[in-house]
PDB file of N, CA and C in Angstrom:
ATOM      1  N   UNK A   1     145.945 -33.824  54.959  1.00  0.00           N
ATOM      2  CA  UNK A   1     144.347 -33.999  54.185  1.00  0.00           C
ATOM      3  C   UNK A   1     144.184 -32.711  53.469  1.00  0.00           C
ATOM      4  N   UNK A   2     144.153 -32.864  52.215  1.00  0.00           N
ATOM      5  CA  UNK A   2     144.148 -31.724  51.298  1.00  0.00           C
ATOM      6  C   UNK A   2     142.891 -31.913  50.406  1.00  0.00           C
ATOM      7  N   UNK A   3     142.251 -30.361  50.969  1.00  0.00           N
ATOM      8  CA  UNK A   3     141.242 -30.335  49.953  1.00  0.00           C
ATOM      9  C   UNK A   3     141.284 -29.972  48.540  1.00  0.00           C
ATOM     10  N   UNK A   4     140.005 -30.767  48.178  1.00  0.00           N
ATOM     11  CA  UNK A   4     139.985 -31.066  46.087  1.00  0.00           C
ATOM     12  C   UNK A   4     140.072 -28.949  45.909  1.00  0.00           C
ATOM     13  N   UNK A   5     140.934 -28.937  45.159  1.00  0.00           N
ATOM     14  CA  UNK A   5     140.790 -27.454  44.786  1.00  0.00           C
ATOM     15  C   UNK A   5     140.651 -27.005  42.915  1.00  0.00           C
ATOM     16  N   UNK A   6     140.249 -26.396  42.477  1.00  0.00           N
ATOM     17  CA  UNK A   6     140.483 -26.503  41.083  1.00  0.00           C
ATOM     18  C   UNK A   6     141.472 -26.930  40.164  1.00  0.00           C
ATOM     19  N   UNK A   7     142.792 -26.229  40.810  1.00  0.00           N
ATOM     20  CA  UNK A   7     144.228 -26.311  40.284  1.00  0.00           C
ATOM     21  C   UNK A   7     143.967 -28.178  40.106  1.00  0.00           C
ATOM     22  N   UNK A   8     144.085 -28.767  41.314  1.00  0.00           N
ATOM     23  CA  UNK A   8     143.891 -30.028  41.496  1.00  0.00           C
ATOM     24  C   UNK A   8     143.009 -30.726  40.417  1.00  0.00           C
ATOM     25  N   UNK A   9     141.871 -30.079  39.936  1.00  0.00           N
ATOM     26  CA  UNK A   9     140.731 -30.811  39.122  1.00  0.00           C
ATOM     27  C   UNK A   9     141.831 -30.927  37.765  1.00  0.00           C
ATOM     28  N   UNK A  10     142.203 -29.779  37.616  1.00  0.00           N
ATOM     29  CA  UNK A  10     142.609 -29.346  36.276  1.00  0.00           C
ATOM     30  C   UNK A  10     144.149 -29.960  35.984  1.00  0.00           C
ATOM     31  N   UNK A  11     144.810 -30.359  36.825  1.00  0.00           N
ATOM     32  CA  UNK A  11     145.957 -31.726  36.749  1.00  0.00           C
ATOM     33  C   UNK A  11     145.484 -32.725  36.384  1.00  0.00           C
ATOM     34  N   UNK A  12     144.627 -33.198  36.975  1.00  0.00           N
ATOM     35  CA  UNK A  12     143.839 -34.415  36.487  1.00  0.00           C
ATOM     36  C   UNK A  12     144.096 -34.668  34.643  1.00  0.00           C
ATOM     37  N   UNK A  13     143.971 -33.492  34.001  1.00  0.00           N
ATOM     38  CA  UNK A  13     143.708 -33.785  33.039  1.00  0.00           C
ATOM     39  C   UNK A  13     145.252 -33.575  32.214  1.00  0.00           C
ATOM     40  N   UNK A  14     146.346 -33.829  33.329  1.00  0.00           N
ATOM     41  CA  UNK A  14     147.546 -33.795  32.704  1.00  0.00           C
ATOM     42  C   UNK A  14     148.261 -34.965  32.867  1.00  0.00           C
ATOM     43  N   UNK A  15     147.246 -35.899  33.547  1.00  0.00           N
ATOM     44  CA  UNK A  15     147.924 -37.247  34.160  1.00  0.00           C
ATOM     45  C   UNK A  15     148.128 -38.026  32.674  1.00  0.00           C
ATOM     46  N   UNK A  16     148.775 -38.826  32.430  1.00  0.00           N
ATOM     47  CA  UNK A  16     149.106 -39.613  31.338  1.00  0.00           C
ATOM     48  C   UNK A  16     149.733 -41.114  31.535  1.00  0.00           C
ATOM     49  N   UNK A  17     148.979 -42.179  30.669  1.00  0.00           N
ATOM     50  CA  UNK A  17     149.123 -43.169  31.518  1.00  0.00           C
ATOM     51  C   UNK A  17     149.824 -43.943  30.041  1.00  0.00           C
ATOM     52  N   UNK A  18     150.822 -45.061  30.385  1.00  0.00           N
ATOM     53  CA  UNK A  18     151.396 -46.129  29.922  1.00  0.00           C
ATOM     54  C   UNK A  18     150.315 -46.712  28.724  1.00  0.00           C
ATOM     55  N   UNK A  19     150.606 -46.825  27.024  1.00  0.00           N
ATOM     56  CA  UNK A  19     149.646 -47.428  26.682  1.00  0.00           C
ATOM     57  C   UNK A  19     149.142 -48.355  26.584  1.00  0.00           C
ATOM     58  N   UNK A  20     150.058 -49.515  27.262  1.00  0.00           N
ATOM     59  CA  UNK A  20     149.060 -50.761  27.365  1.00  0.00           C
ATOM     60  C   UNK A  20     149.105 -51.096  28.809  1.00  0.00           C
ATOM     61  N   UNK A  21     148.417 -49.946  29.474  1.00  0.00           N
ATOM     62  CA  UNK A  21     148.562 -50.174  31.273  1.00  0.00           C
ATOM     63  C   UNK A  21     147.599 -51.102  31.265  1.00  0.00           C
ATOM     64  N   UNK A  22     148.017 -51.530  32.656  1.00  0.00           N
ATOM     65  CA  UNK A  22     146.425 -52.415  33.021  1.00  0.00           C
ATOM     66  C   UNK A  22     144.899 -51.467  33.077  1.00  0.00           C
ATOM     67  N   UNK A  23     143.884 -51.691  33.108  1.00  0.00           N
ATOM     68  CA  UNK A  23     143.002 -51.021  33.681  1.00  0.00           C
ATOM     69  C   UNK A  23     142.755 -50.669  34.957  1.00  0.00           C
ATOM     70  N   UNK A  24     142.834 -49.535  35.797  1.00  0.00           N
ATOM     71  CA  UNK A  24     142.563 -48.691  36.701  1.00  0.00           C
ATOM     72  C   UNK A  24     141.498 -48.163  36.745  1.00  0.00           C
ATOM     73  N   UNK A  25     140.254 -48.295  37.739  1.00  0.00           N
ATOM     74  CA  UNK A  25     139.277 -47.938  37.866  1.00  0.00           C
ATOM     75  C   UNK A  25     138.987 -46.694  38.968  1.00  0.00           C
ATOM     76  N   UNK A  26     140.095 -46.289  39.937  1.00  0.00           N
ATOM     77  CA  UNK A  26     139.972 -45.775  40.726  1.00  0.00           C
ATOM     78  C   UNK A  26     140.202 -44.134  41.361  1.00  0.00           C
ATOM     79  N   UNK A  27     138.807 -43.632  40.829  1.00  0.00           N
ATOM     80  CA  UNK A  27     139.323 -42.080  40.509  1.00  0.00           C
ATOM     81  C   UNK A  27     139.703 -41.561  41.294  1.00  0.00           C
ATOM     82  N   UNK A  28     139.636 -42.155  43.283  1.00  0.00           N
ATOM     83  CA  UNK A  28     140.230 -41.239  43.959  1.00  0.00           C
ATOM     84  C   UNK A  28     141.476 -41.491  44.443  1.00  0.00           C
ATOM     85  N   UNK A  29     142.017 -42.453  42.951  1.00  0.00           N
ATOM     86  CA  UNK A  29     143.805 -42.415  43.362  1.00  0.00           C
ATOM     87  C   UNK A  29     144.141 -41.455  41.975  1.00  0.00           C
ATOM     88  N   UNK A  30     143.461 -41.325  41.437  1.00  0.00           N
ATOM     89  CA  UNK A  30     143.554 -40.293  40.495  1.00  0.00           C
ATOM     90  C   UNK A  30     143.909 -38.785  40.799  1.00  0.00           C
ATOM     91  N   UNK A  31     142.604 -38.557  41.314  1.00  0.00           N
ATOM     92  CA  UNK A  31     142.436 -37.062  42.282  1.00  0.00           C
ATOM     93  C   UNK A  31     143.918 -36.636  43.093  1.00  0.00           C
ATOM     94  N   UNK A  32     144.092 -38.072  43.794  1.00  0.00           N
ATOM     95  CA  UNK A  32     145.453 -38.006  45.022  1.00  0.00           C
ATOM     96  C   UNK A  32     146.653 -37.680  43.867  1.00  0.00           C
ATOM     97  N   UNK A  33     147.254 -38.308  42.817  1.00  0.00           N
ATOM     98  CA  UNK A  33     147.987 -38.329  41.994  1.00  0.00           C
ATOM     99  C   UNK A  33     148.009 -36.646  41.791  1.00  0.00           C
ATOM    100  N   UNK A  34     147.138 -36.247  40.918  1.00  0.00           N
ATOM    101  CA  UNK A  34     146.834 -35.160  40.827  1.00  0.00           C
ATOM    102  C   UNK A  34     147.503 -33.849  41.448  1.00  0.00           C
ATOM    103  N   UNK A  35     146.569 -34.084  42.887  1.00  0.00           N
ATOM    104  CA  UNK A  35     146.935 -33.406  43.832  1.00  0.00           C
ATOM    105  C   UNK A  35     148.631 -33.138  44.252  1.00  0.00           C
ATOM    106  N   UNK A  36     148.554 -34.515  44.538  1.00  0.00           N
ATOM    107  CA  UNK A  36     150.997 -34.901  44.923  1.00  0.00           C
ATOM    108  C   UNK A  36     151.297 -33.507  43.539  1.00  0.00           C
ATOM    109  N   UNK A  37     150.947 -33.672  42.547  1.00  0.00           N
ATOM    110  CA  UNK A  37     151.983 -33.038  41.006  1.00  0.00           C
ATOM    111  C   UNK A  37     151.654 -31.521  41.233  1.00  0.00           C
ATOM    112  N   UNK A  38     149.955 -31.250  41.849  1.00  0.00           N
ATOM    113  CA  UNK A  38     149.770 -29.947  41.627  1.00  0.00           C
ATOM    114  C   UNK A  38     150.389 -29.185  43.155  1.00  0.00           C
ATOM    115  N   UNK A  39     150.466 -29.902  44.146  1.00  0.00           N
ATOM    116  CA  UNK A  39     151.271 -29.491  44.766  1.00  0.00           C
ATOM    117  C   UNK A  39     153.028 -29.314  45.067  1.00  0.00           C
ATOM    118  N   UNK A  40     153.566 -30.573  44.001  1.00  0.00           N
ATOM    119  CA  UNK A  40     154.681 -30.715  44.430  1.00  0.00           C
ATOM    120  C   UNK A  40     155.331 -31.515  45.442  1.00  0.00           C
ATOM    121  N   UNK A  41     154.332 -32.611  45.612  1.00  0.00           N
ATOM    122  CA  UNK A  41     154.633 -33.587  46.625  1.00  0.00           C
ATOM    123  C   UNK A  41     155.079 -34.974  46.179  1.00  0.00           C
ATOM    124  N   UNK A  42     155.519 -35.974  47.112  1.00  0.00           N
ATOM    125  CA  UNK A  42     156.191 -36.519  46.798  1.00  0.00           C
ATOM    126  C   UNK A  42     154.920 -37.459  46.797  1.00  0.00           C
ATOM    127  N   UNK A  43     154.372 -38.337  45.942  1.00  0.00           N
ATOM    128  CA  UNK A  43     153.708 -39.480  46.339  1.00  0.00           C
ATOM    129  C   UNK A  43     153.720 -40.594  46.471  1.00  0.00           C
ATOM    130  N   UNK A  44     153.179 -41.562  47.748  1.00  0.00           N
ATOM    131  CA  UNK A  44     153.846 -42.804  48.120  1.00  0.00           C
ATOM    132  C   UNK A  44     152.742 -43.994  48.346  1.00  0.00           C
ATOM    133  N   UNK A  45     152.954 -44.775  47.589  1.00  0.00           N
ATOM    134  CA  UNK A  45     151.365 -45.714  47.618  1.00  0.00           C
ATOM    135  C   UNK A  45     152.438 -47.129  47.478  1.00  0.00           C
ATOM    136  N   UNK A  46     151.251 -48.376  47.794  1.00  0.00           N
ATOM    137  CA  UNK A  46     151.887 -49.636  47.656  1.00  0.00           C
ATOM    138  C   UNK A  46     150.830 -50.392  46.197  1.00  0.00           C
ATOM    139  N   UNK A  47     150.259 -49.585  45.722  1.00  0.00           N
ATOM    140  CA  UNK A  47     149.326 -49.392  44.608  1.00  0.00           C
ATOM    141  C   UNK A  47     150.823 -49.837  43.193  1.00  0.00           C
ATOM    142  N   UNK A  48     150.698 -50.908  42.815  1.00  0.00           N
ATOM    143  CA  UNK A  48     151.536 -50.735  41.479  1.00  0.00           C
ATOM    144  C   UNK A  48     150.810 -50.482  40.527  1.00  0.00           C
ATOM    145  N   UNK A  49     149.693 -50.445  40.362  1.00  0.00           N
ATOM    146  CA  UNK A  49     148.746 -50.017  38.966  1.00  0.00           C
ATOM    147  C   UNK A  49     149.476 -48.823  38.831  1.00  0.00           C
ATOM    148  N   UNK A  50     149.293 -47.763  39.877  1.00  0.00           N
ATOM    149  CA  UNK A  50     149.455 -46.253  39.587  1.00  0.00           C
ATOM    150  C   UNK A  50     151.466 -45.608  39.199  1.00  0.00           C
ATOM    151  N   UNK A  51     152.054 -46.695  38.943  1.00  0.00           N
ATOM    152  CA  UNK A  51     153.266 -46.267  38.556  1.00  0.00           C
ATOM    153  C   UNK A  51     153.422 -46.014  36.638  1.00  0.00           C
ATOM    154  N   UNK A  52     151.496 -46.858  36.396  1.00  0.00           N
ATOM    155  CA  UNK A  52     151.614 -46.547  34.838  1.00  0.00           C
ATOM    156  C   UNK A  52     151.173 -45.289  34.417  1.00  0.00           C
ATOM    157  N   UNK A  53     151.123 -44.234  35.602  1.00  0.00           N
ATOM    158  CA  UNK A  53     151.084 -42.664  35.321  1.00  0.00           C
ATOM    159  C   UNK A  53     152.091 -42.332  35.031  1.00  0.00           C
ATOM    160  N   UNK A  54     153.224 -42.616  35.096  1.00  0.00           N
ATOM    161  CA  UNK A  54     154.004 -41.835  34.548  1.00  0.00           C
ATOM    162  C   UNK A  54     154.733 -40.547  35.315  1.00  0.00           C
ATOM    163  N   UNK A  55     154.018 -40.416  36.949  1.00  0.00           N
ATOM    164  CA  UNK A  55     154.234 -39.549  37.588  1.00  0.00           C
ATOM    165  C   UNK A  55     154.953 -39.879  38.389  1.00  0.00           C
ATOM    166  N   UNK A  56     155.724 -39.220  38.966  1.00  0.00           N
ATOM    167  CA  UNK A  56     157.051 -39.038  40.362  1.00  0.00           C
ATOM    168  C   UNK A  56     155.948 -40.279  41.521  1.00  0.00           C
ATOM    169  N   UNK A  57     156.286 -40.806  41.836  1.00  0.00           N
ATOM    170  CA  UNK A  57     155.340 -41.600  42.756  1.00  0.00           C
ATOM    171  C   UNK A  57     156.519 -42.941  43.646  1.00  0.00           C
ATOM    172  N   UNK A  58     156.351 -42.715  44.728  1.00  0.00           N
ATOM    173  CA  UNK A  58     157.467 -43.633  45.252  1.00  0.00           C
ATOM    174  C   UNK A  58     156.477 -45.624  46.223  1.00  0.00           C
ATOM    175  N   UNK A  59     156.856 -46.218  45.453  1.00  0.00           N
ATOM    176  CA  UNK A  59     156.227 -47.277  45.610  1.00  0.00           C
ATOM    177  C   UNK A  59     156.387 -47.854  47.082  1.00  0.00           C
ATOM    178  N   UNK A  60     155.738 -48.818  47.539  1.00  0.00           N
ATOM    179  CA  UNK A  60     156.048 -49.280  49.115  1.00  0.00           C
ATOM    180  C   UNK A  60     155.151 -50.580  49.215  1.00  0.00           C
ATOM    181  N   UNK A  61     155.935 -51.529  49.762  1.00  0.00           N
ATOM    182  CA  UNK A  61     155.225 -52.738  49.954  1.00  0.00           C
ATOM    183  C   UNK A  61     155.531 -53.025  51.286  1.00  0.00           C
TER     184      UNK A  61
END
């Protein structure tokens, strides 16, 4: 579990999505991706919509 810090919030601004990506409305997912990016961690998810953020993630089913 990670505490949300300022650098995690700032990392939100660096997240990019594929131009024609399906809509994704979960802000909690966005902060988790930003945290993983800021902390240089592997992000593991089962949510295929998160791969549209063009960030390193491991998709598990």
